[in-house]
C-alpha atoms as a PDB file:
ATOM      1  CA  MET A   1      14.883 133.437 209.149  1.00  0.00           C
ATOM      2  CA  LYS A   2      12.814 132.218 212.130  1.00  0.00           C
ATOM      3  CA  THR A   3      13.973 135.236 214.125  1.00  0.00           C
ATOM      4  CA  ILE A   4      12.963 137.571 211.300  1.00  0.00           C
ATOM      5  CA  ARG A   5       9.478 136.061 211.218  1.00  0.00           C
ATOM      6  CA  VAL A   6       9.057 136.565 214.959  1.00  0.00           C
ATOM      7  CA  VAL A   7      10.281 140.154 214.816  1.00  0.00           C
ATOM      8  CA  LEU A   8       8.014 140.894 211.884  1.00  0.00           C
ATOM      9  CA  GLY A   9       5.052 139.434 213.708  1.00  0.00           C
ATOM     10  CA  VAL A  10       5.690 141.672 216.687  1.00  0.00           C
ATOM     11  CA  GLY A  11       6.151 144.670 214.416  1.00  0.00           C
ATOM     12  CA  PHE A  12       2.913 144.128 212.536  1.00  0.00           C
ATOM     13  CA  LEU A  13       0.828 143.453 215.633  1.00  0.00           C
ATOM     14  CA  SER A  14       2.168 146.116 217.969  1.00  0.00           C
ATOM     15  CA  LEU A  15       2.869 148.957 215.560  1.00  0.00           C
ATOM     16  CA  GLY A  16       0.687 148.427 212.509  1.00  0.00           C
ATOM     17  CA  LEU A  17       3.252 150.273 210.386  1.00  0.00           C
ATOM     18  CA  ALA A  18       3.812 147.927 207.447  1.00  0.00           C
ATOM     19  CA  SER A  19       1.278 149.537 205.192  1.00  0.00           C
ATOM     20  CA  CYS A  20       1.075 153.072 206.581  1.00  0.00           C
ATOM     21  CA  ALA A  21       3.666 155.862 206.439  1.00  0.00           C
ATOM     22  CA  VAL A  22       1.964 157.998 209.112  1.00  0.00           C
ATOM     23  CA  MET A  23       2.846 157.440 212.766  1.00  0.00           C
ATOM     24  CA  SER A  24       0.733 158.551 215.678  1.00  0.00           C
ATOM     25  CA  PRO A  25       2.326 160.143 218.773  1.00  0.00           C
ATOM     26  CA  GLN A  26       1.742 156.910 220.694  1.00  0.00           C
ATOM     27  CA  GLU A  27       3.444 154.847 217.992  1.00  0.00           C
ATOM     28  CA  CYS A  28       6.394 157.238 218.043  1.00  0.00           C
ATOM     29  CA  LYS A  29       6.793 156.844 221.801  1.00  0.00           C
ATOM     30  CA  LEU A  30       6.683 153.039 221.591  1.00  0.00           C
ATOM     31  CA  ALA A  31       8.698 152.731 218.382  1.00  0.00           C
ATOM     32  CA  ASN A  32      11.476 150.195 218.036  1.00  0.00           C
ATOM     33  CA  TRP A  33      13.265 151.839 215.126  1.00  0.00           C
ATOM     34  CA  ARG A  34      15.278 148.773 214.188  1.00  0.00           C
ATOM     35  CA  GLU A  35      12.092 146.749 213.825  1.00  0.00           C
ATOM     36  CA  ILE A  36      10.447 149.509 211.821  1.00  0.00           C
ATOM     37  CA  GLY A  37      13.456 149.689 209.521  1.00  0.00           C
ATOM     38  CA  LEU A  38      13.382 145.914 209.112  1.00  0.00           C
ATOM     39  CA  ILE A  39       9.710 145.976 208.173  1.00  0.00           C
ATOM     40  CA  ASP A  40      10.188 148.840 205.716  1.00  0.00           C
ATOM     41  CA  GLY A  41      13.226 147.153 204.179  1.00  0.00           C
ATOM     42  CA  MET A  42      11.446 143.827 203.701  1.00  0.00           C
ATOM     43  CA  ALA A  43       8.577 145.723 202.063  1.00  0.00           C
ATOM     44  CA  GLY A  44      10.983 147.502 199.689  1.00  0.00           C
ATOM     45  CA  LYS A  45       9.952 150.958 200.858  1.00  0.00           C
ATOM     46  CA  PRO A  46      12.075 153.958 199.785  1.00  0.00           C
ATOM     47  CA  MET A  47      13.891 156.202 202.244  1.00  0.00           C
ATOM     48  CA  HIS A  48      11.353 159.009 202.010  1.00  0.00           C
ATOM     49  CA  ILE A  49       9.066 156.822 204.143  1.00  0.00           C
ATOM     50  CA  PHE A  50      11.545 157.251 206.998  1.00  0.00           C
ATOM     51  CA  GLU A  51      11.534 161.018 206.474  1.00  0.00           C
ATOM     52  CA  GLU A  52       7.741 160.966 206.836  1.00  0.00           C
ATOM     53  CA  ARG A  53       8.011 158.895 209.990  1.00  0.00           C
ATOM     54  CA  ARG A  54      10.689 161.170 211.405  1.00  0.00           C
ATOM     55  CA  GLY A  55       8.579 164.231 210.636  1.00  0.00           C
ATOM     56  CA  ASP A  56       5.511 162.739 212.312  1.00  0.00           C
ATOM     57  CA  CYS A  57       7.519 161.870 215.411  1.00  0.00           C
ATOM     58  CA  ALA A  58       9.196 165.295 215.530  1.00  0.00           C
ATOM     59  CA  GLU A  59       5.724 166.808 215.785  1.00  0.00           C
ATOM     60  CA  ALA A  60       5.158 164.532 218.773  1.00  0.00           C
ATOM     61  CA  ASN A  61       8.493 165.668 220.299  1.00  0.00           C
ATOM     62  CA  VAL A  62      10.007 162.213 219.736  1.00  0.00           C
ATOM     63  CA  LYS A  63      13.342 161.836 217.992  1.00  0.00           C
ATOM     64  CA  ALA A  64      13.626 159.024 215.465  1.00  0.00           C
ATOM     65  CA  ASP A  65      16.691 156.793 215.830  1.00  0.00           C
ATOM     66  CA  THR A  66      18.194 157.057 212.352  1.00  0.00           C
ATOM     67  CA  HIS A  67      21.049 154.617 213.055  1.00  0.00           C
ATOM     68  CA  ASP A  68      18.806 151.823 214.326  1.00  0.00           C
ATOM     69  CA  TYR A  69      16.335 152.391 211.512  1.00  0.00           C
ATOM     70  CA  LEU A  70      19.058 152.102 208.858  1.00  0.00           C
ATOM     71  CA  VAL A  71      20.497 148.954 210.453  1.00  0.00           C
ATOM     72  CA  GLY A  72      17.068 147.315 210.379  1.00  0.00           C
ATOM     73  CA  ARG A  73      16.289 148.559 206.909  1.00  0.00           C
ATOM     74  CA  GLU A  74      19.560 147.172 205.544  1.00  0.00           C
ATOM     75  CA  GLN A  75      18.735 143.777 207.017  1.00  0.00           C
ATOM     76  CA  GLY A  76      15.255 143.888 205.520  1.00  0.00           C
ATOM     77  CA  LEU A  77      16.548 144.887 202.096  1.00  0.00           C
ATOM     78  CA  ARG A  78      18.848 141.852 202.018  1.00  0.00           C
ATOM     79  CA  THR A  79      15.718 139.715 202.109  1.00  0.00           C
ATOM     80  CA  TYR A  80      13.673 141.927 199.784  1.00  0.00           C
ATOM     81  CA  CYS A  81      16.400 142.178 197.129  1.00  0.00           C
ATOM     82  CA  GLN A  82      16.758 138.439 196.595  1.00  0.00           C
ATOM     83  CA  MET A  83      16.240 137.669 192.905  1.00  0.00           C
ATOM     84  CA  SER A  84      13.487 135.177 193.662  1.00  0.00           C
ATOM     85  CA  ASN A  85      11.489 137.997 195.232  1.00  0.00           C
ATOM     86  CA  ALA A  86      11.656 140.200 192.134  1.00  0.00           C
ATOM     87  CA  LEU A  87       9.286 137.937 190.221  1.00  0.00           C
ATOM     88  CA  GLN A  88       6.899 137.577 193.144  1.00  0.00           C
ATOM     89  CA  ILE A  89       6.400 141.276 193.753  1.00  0.00           C
ATOM     90  CA  GLY A  90       5.894 141.786 190.012  1.00  0.00           C
ATOM     91  CA  LEU A  91       3.324 138.994 189.835  1.00  0.00           C
ATOM     92  CA  ARG A  92       1.452 140.586 192.755  1.00  0.00           C
ATOM     93  CA  GLY A  93       1.302 143.862 190.859  1.00  0.00           C
ATOM     94  CA  GLU A  94       3.511 145.691 193.343  1.00  0.00           C
ATOM     95  CA  SER A  95       5.808 148.455 192.156  1.00  0.00           C
ATOM     96  CA  TYR A  96       9.581 148.401 192.587  1.00  0.00           C
ATOM     97  CA  GLN A  97      11.018 151.572 194.098  1.00  0.00           C
ATOM     98  CA  GLY A  98      14.637 151.073 193.029  1.00  0.00           C
ATOM     99  CA  VAL A  99      15.828 150.290 196.548  1.00  0.00           C
ATOM    100  CA  CYS A 100      18.209 147.424 195.768  1.00  0.00           C
ATOM    101  CA  PRO A 101      21.989 147.890 195.514  1.00  0.00           C
ATOM    102  CA  ALA A 102      23.381 149.154 192.218  1.00  0.00           C
ATOM    103  CA  ALA A 103      25.045 145.809 191.541  1.00  0.00           C
ATOM    104  CA  THR A 104      21.765 143.898 191.614  1.00  0.00           C
ATOM    105  CA  ASP A 105      19.283 146.598 190.620  1.00  0.00           C
ATOM    106  CA  PRO A 106      19.344 146.048 186.799  1.00  0.00           C
ATOM    107  CA  GLU A 107      18.629 142.304 187.009  1.00  0.00           C
ATOM    108  CA  PHE A 108      16.143 142.744 189.847  1.00  0.00           C
ATOM    109  CA  ARG A 109      14.356 145.401 187.819  1.00  0.00           C
ATOM    110  CA  ARG A 110      14.300 143.154 184.721  1.00  0.00           C
ATOM    111  CA  ARG A 111      12.836 140.208 186.621  1.00  0.00           C
ATOM    112  CA  HIS A 112      10.286 142.411 188.349  1.00  0.00           C
ATOM    113  CA  GLY A 113       9.259 143.818 184.962  1.00  0.00           C
ATOM    114  CA  ILE A 114       8.664 140.328 183.558  1.00  0.00           C
ATOM    115  CA  GLY A 115       6.483 139.412 186.539  1.00  0.00           C
ATOM    116  CA  TYR A 116       4.612 142.712 186.369  1.00  0.00           C
ATOM    117  CA  ASP A 117       3.939 142.281 182.637  1.00  0.00           C
ATOM    118  CA  VAL A 118       2.283 138.937 183.363  1.00  0.00           C
ATOM    119  CA  TYR A 119       0.205 140.501 186.155  1.00  0.00           C
ATOM    120  CA  ARG A 120      -0.831 143.452 183.988  1.00  0.00           C
ATOM    121  CA  LEU A 121      -1.728 141.385 180.922  1.00  0.00           C
ATOM    122  CA  ARG A 122      -3.695 138.834 182.918  1.00  0.00           C
ATOM    123  CA  GLY A 123      -5.698 141.670 184.423  1.00  0.00           C
ATOM    124  CA  GLU A 124      -6.251 143.293 181.051  1.00  0.00           C
ATOM    125  CA  LEU A 125      -7.411 140.025 179.496  1.00  0.00           C
ATOM    126  CA  SER A 126      -9.763 139.356 182.405  1.00  0.00           C
ATOM    127  CA  GLN A 127     -11.231 142.867 182.080  1.00  0.00           C
ATOM    128  CA  LEU A 128     -11.865 142.385 178.354  1.00  0.00           C
ATOM    129  CA  GLU A 129     -13.548 139.056 178.997  1.00  0.00           C
ATOM    130  CA  ARG A 130     -15.808 140.564 181.662  1.00  0.00           C
ATOM    131  CA  ARG A 131     -16.808 143.393 179.327  1.00  0.00           C
ATOM    132  CA  TYR A 132     -17.575 140.944 176.511  1.00  0.00           C
ATOM    133  CA  VAL A 133     -19.808 138.870 178.790  1.00  0.00           C
ATOM    134  CA  ALA A 134     -21.542 142.013 180.103  1.00  0.00           C
ATOM    135  CA  LEU A 135     -22.402 143.064 176.548  1.00  0.00           C
ATOM    136  CA  GLU A 136     -23.822 139.613 175.816  1.00  0.00           C
ATOM    137  CA  LYS A 137     -25.979 139.746 178.935  1.00  0.00           C
ATOM    138  CA  GLY A 138     -27.123 143.277 178.108  1.00  0.00           C
ATOM    139  CA  LEU A 139     -28.261 142.288 174.615  1.00  0.00           C
ATOM    140  CA  ARG A 140     -30.018 139.185 175.892  1.00  0.00           C
ATOM    141  CA  SER A 141     -31.783 141.119 178.637  1.00  0.00           C
ATOM    142  CA  LYS A 142     -33.000 143.801 176.199  1.00  0.00           C
ATOM    143  CA  LYS A 143     -34.333 141.185 173.788  1.00  0.00           C
ATOM    144  CA  ILE A 144     -36.259 139.490 176.562  1.00  0.00           C
ATOM    145  CA  GLU A 145     -37.684 142.848 177.641  1.00  0.00           C
ATOM    146  CA  LEU A 146     -38.850 143.649 174.098  1.00  0.00           C
ATOM    147  CA  GLU A 147     -40.403 140.221 173.636  1.00  0.00           C
ATOM    148  CA  LYS A 148     -42.300 140.625 176.901  1.00  0.00           C
ATOM    149  CA  HIS A 149     -43.503 144.056 175.775  1.00  0.00           C
ATOM    150  CA  ALA A 150     -44.701 142.625 172.456  1.00  0.00           C
ATOM    151  CA  ASN A 151     -46.595 139.816 174.189  1.00  0.00           C
ATOM    152  CA  GLU A 152     -48.292 142.238 176.548  1.00  0.00           C
ATOM    153  CA  VAL A 153     -49.325 145.074 174.246  1.00  0.00           C
ATOM    154  CA  GLY A 154     -48.553 143.792 170.760  1.00  0.00           C
ATOM    155  CA  LYS A 155     -46.229 145.235 168.150  1.00  0.00           C
ATOM    156  CA  ASN A 156     -47.612 148.736 168.240  1.00  0.00           C
ATOM    157  CA  GLU A 157     -45.833 151.947 167.235  1.00  0.00           C
ATOM    158  CA  ASP A 158     -44.172 152.240 170.626  1.00  0.00           C
ATOM    159  CA  PHE A 159     -42.795 148.726 170.272  1.00  0.00           C
ATOM    160  CA  LYS A 160     -41.511 149.469 166.766  1.00  0.00           C
ATOM    161  CA  ARG A 161     -39.763 152.582 168.012  1.00  0.00           C
ATOM    162  CA  GLN A 162     -38.153 150.685 170.851  1.00  0.00           C
ATOM    163  CA  TYR A 163     -37.121 147.908 168.490  1.00  0.00           C
ATOM    164  CA  ARG A 164     -35.425 150.354 166.112  1.00  0.00           C
ATOM    165  CA  GLU A 165     -33.552 151.802 169.074  1.00  0.00           C
ATOM    166  CA  PHE A 166     -32.582 148.294 170.138  1.00  0.00           C
ATOM    167  CA  GLU A 167     -31.293 147.447 166.651  1.00  0.00           C
ATOM    168  CA  ALA A 168     -29.104 150.557 166.665  1.00  0.00           C
ATOM    169  CA  GLN A 169     -27.837 149.695 170.141  1.00  0.00           C
ATOM    170  CA  GLU A 170     -27.258 146.103 169.082  1.00  0.00           C
ATOM    171  CA  ARG A 171     -25.100 147.205 166.151  1.00  0.00           C
ATOM    172  CA  ARG A 172     -22.977 149.361 168.456  1.00  0.00           C
ATOM    173  CA  MET A 173     -22.591 146.593 170.996  1.00  0.00           C
ATOM    174  CA  LEU A 174     -21.728 143.988 168.381  1.00  0.00           C
ATOM    175  CA  GLU A 175     -19.087 146.322 166.961  1.00  0.00           C
ATOM    176  CA  GLU A 176     -17.676 146.763 170.445  1.00  0.00           C
ATOM    177  CA  GLN A 177     -17.628 142.992 170.871  1.00  0.00           C
ATOM    178  CA  ARG A 178     -15.663 142.651 167.638  1.00  0.00           C
ATOM    179  CA  ASP A 179     -13.177 145.238 168.930  1.00  0.00           C
ATOM    180  CA  ILE A 180     -12.921 143.349 172.208  1.00  0.00           C
ATOM    181  CA  ALA A 181     -12.322 140.067 170.381  1.00  0.00           C
ATOM    182  CA  ARG A 182      -9.467 141.656 168.431  1.00  0.00           C
ATOM    183  CA  ASN A 183      -7.995 143.129 171.592  1.00  0.00           C
ATOM    184  CA  LYS A 184      -8.338 139.807 173.407  1.00  0.00           C
ATOM    185  CA  HIS A 185      -6.353 138.109 170.647  1.00  0.00           C
ATOM    186  CA  ARG A 186      -3.631 140.758 170.850  1.00  0.00           C
ATOM    187  CA  VAL A 187      -3.407 140.672 174.640  1.00  0.00           C
ATOM    188  CA  ALA A 188      -3.464 136.861 174.709  1.00  0.00           C
ATOM    189  CA  ASP A 189      -0.477 136.792 172.326  1.00  0.00           C
ATOM    190  CA  GLN A 190       1.400 139.283 174.513  1.00  0.00           C
ATOM    191  CA  LEU A 191       0.532 137.263 177.613  1.00  0.00           C
ATOM    192  CA  ARG A 192       1.859 134.053 176.071  1.00  0.00           C
ATOM    193  CA  GLN A 193       5.143 135.813 175.322  1.00  0.00           C
ATOM    194  CA  ALA A 194       5.325 137.250 178.840  1.00  0.00           C
ATOM    195  CA  GLU A 195       4.554 133.871 180.424  1.00  0.00           C
ATOM    196  CA  TRP A 196       7.235 132.259 178.262  1.00  0.00           C
ATOM    197  CA  ALA A 197       9.748 134.836 179.521  1.00  0.00           C
ATOM    198  CA  LEU A 198       8.562 134.097 183.052  1.00  0.00           C
ATOM    199  CA  SER A 199       9.053 130.362 182.558  1.00  0.00           C
ATOM    200  CA  GLN A 200      12.672 130.934 181.562  1.00  0.00           C
ATOM    201  CA  LEU A 201      13.395 132.451 184.972  1.00  0.00           C
ATOM    202  CA  ARG A 202      11.894 129.620 187.014  1.00  0.00           C
END
């Protein structure tokens, strides 16, 4: 494992290929294809990434070493396809590209799905909460603005018009808040179920 960490460090620093499928001519000339395969395998990248790399290098008149790439990729996939990793990539919101062996794919996919459900529902709940708070702040800010207007110029016709508009807006925003509250309850229930399923795997 120590060796893998060292190799990965070299790969990330010298090639910068872990998160990008496009290779420059210079990267193609300097490429260590076994290292690149290792990095791609540990990241769970599908084989079409290699085809993109090979195509980029062909344009630079550099031939990709398919054998070395596949040897490295296979080594990387052995690390990536560990069951303990399935939950982690799901919890980070990363997709699973179906790269694990057929014997382990169904269980890996199931565990990844449980982790991803938790990630997705946590994000959805957080988004609903932010929207609810934003509506509260919007209503409060508008009320303060109207009160300031009334203090400055009195409750004239313009103020009354603005207040009627505010009341209509307030009704819409309060209705949206009620919808959000219902959705928060639903999502929170789903999240509890997903987190329970997650706890059974740990």
